Amino acid sequence: MNQTQVTEFVLLSFSHGRPFLFALFLAIYLATLLGNSAVLSLVSLDPHLHSPMYFFLSHLSCLDLCYSSVTVPKILANALRPEATISYGGCLAQAFFLMWCAGAECALLALMACDRCAAVCQPLRYARLLPRRTCASAAAACWLWGLLDSALHTLLAARLSFCGLARLQHIFCDVPPLLEAACSSTRPNELALHVSSVFVGLAPFLLVVTSYLCILATVLRMPLATSRRKAFSTCSAHLLVVTLYFVAANLNYNRPSSGASPAADTLVSVLYCIVIPMLNPLIYSLRNREVWGALRRALRARGTPGSPGGA
């Protein structure tokens, strides 16, 4: 095989519709920045949101900002160039930060499910179960968990060899398209992905399922319909986020090595890394009276007339 030292990758998913892609991803990125920055600001400034639920939500917003900022600026730059490329070092860095965010978000979503379980099943002990210091340590552990997982995959990806002109059938760099483009053995990388999918993906998902089974059992024992509706409403947003994220993540990192079209692979990755980070603040805010109340208070503090509806 003609193995060469790769200096850059050509991204082949940019062959058509560059002006449309630029406008689409710019709109998504701006919406992501606005929505997640608003959540971070409200949680930081409003004392009514200084609870474990919103503390973890602020970390989720931070992760979503990282997700989009790792990929979208380079996508926008490539959309304006005659040929979409990324340097070898830039590609590994992009894959590293994506995997870091992926591992951290899986752990964080499981942690948020445990938080909702404690709030619904043990409401009188909730404040003592999750004091501020415990929340901070748990959130830091999520970030560290993702970092260790990402470091493993990036080190293995750095050992891959590529033949001739390295081409990625993708719109940005991630581990699966790197494995498809490599001409050396990818068995260690594939094994690491499968092991990681168990410990970083499946284990948090099972913890989420267990937490919601406990929540369901507790809610069904509540005597008042209003209490049941309130409990379900506090958990429905998180359950929707979890479902979207874990389904997309499983499709992204556990798809078959052959048989799927590059366009389908790219679509799944865009949903997982770019669209969901834009949707998360909307999902958490639209049906959340406390977030709307914090927004109204912030607007009144700035002297802005009126307030948003939908509370």
Foldseek 3Di string as FASTA:
>chain_A
DAFDDAFKAFAPQLPDDLVVQLVVLVVLLVLLCVLLVLLLVLCVPPPVNVDLLSVLVNLLSVLLNLLSVLASVLLNVQSPDPTRMDTPVSLLVSQLSNQLSLLLVLQSLLVSLVLLLCCQVPVVCSCVVDPPVNSVVSSVVSSVRSNVLSVVLSVLLVPFTAHDHQYFLASGHHSLSSCLRTPDDCVVNLVSLVVCCVVRNVVSVVSSVVSVVSNVVSLVPDPDPVSSVVSCLQCVLSVVLVVQQSVLVCCQRVPDSDDDDSVVNRVSVCSNRRVSSSCSSVSNPQSDPVSQVSQQVVCVVVVHPDGDDRD
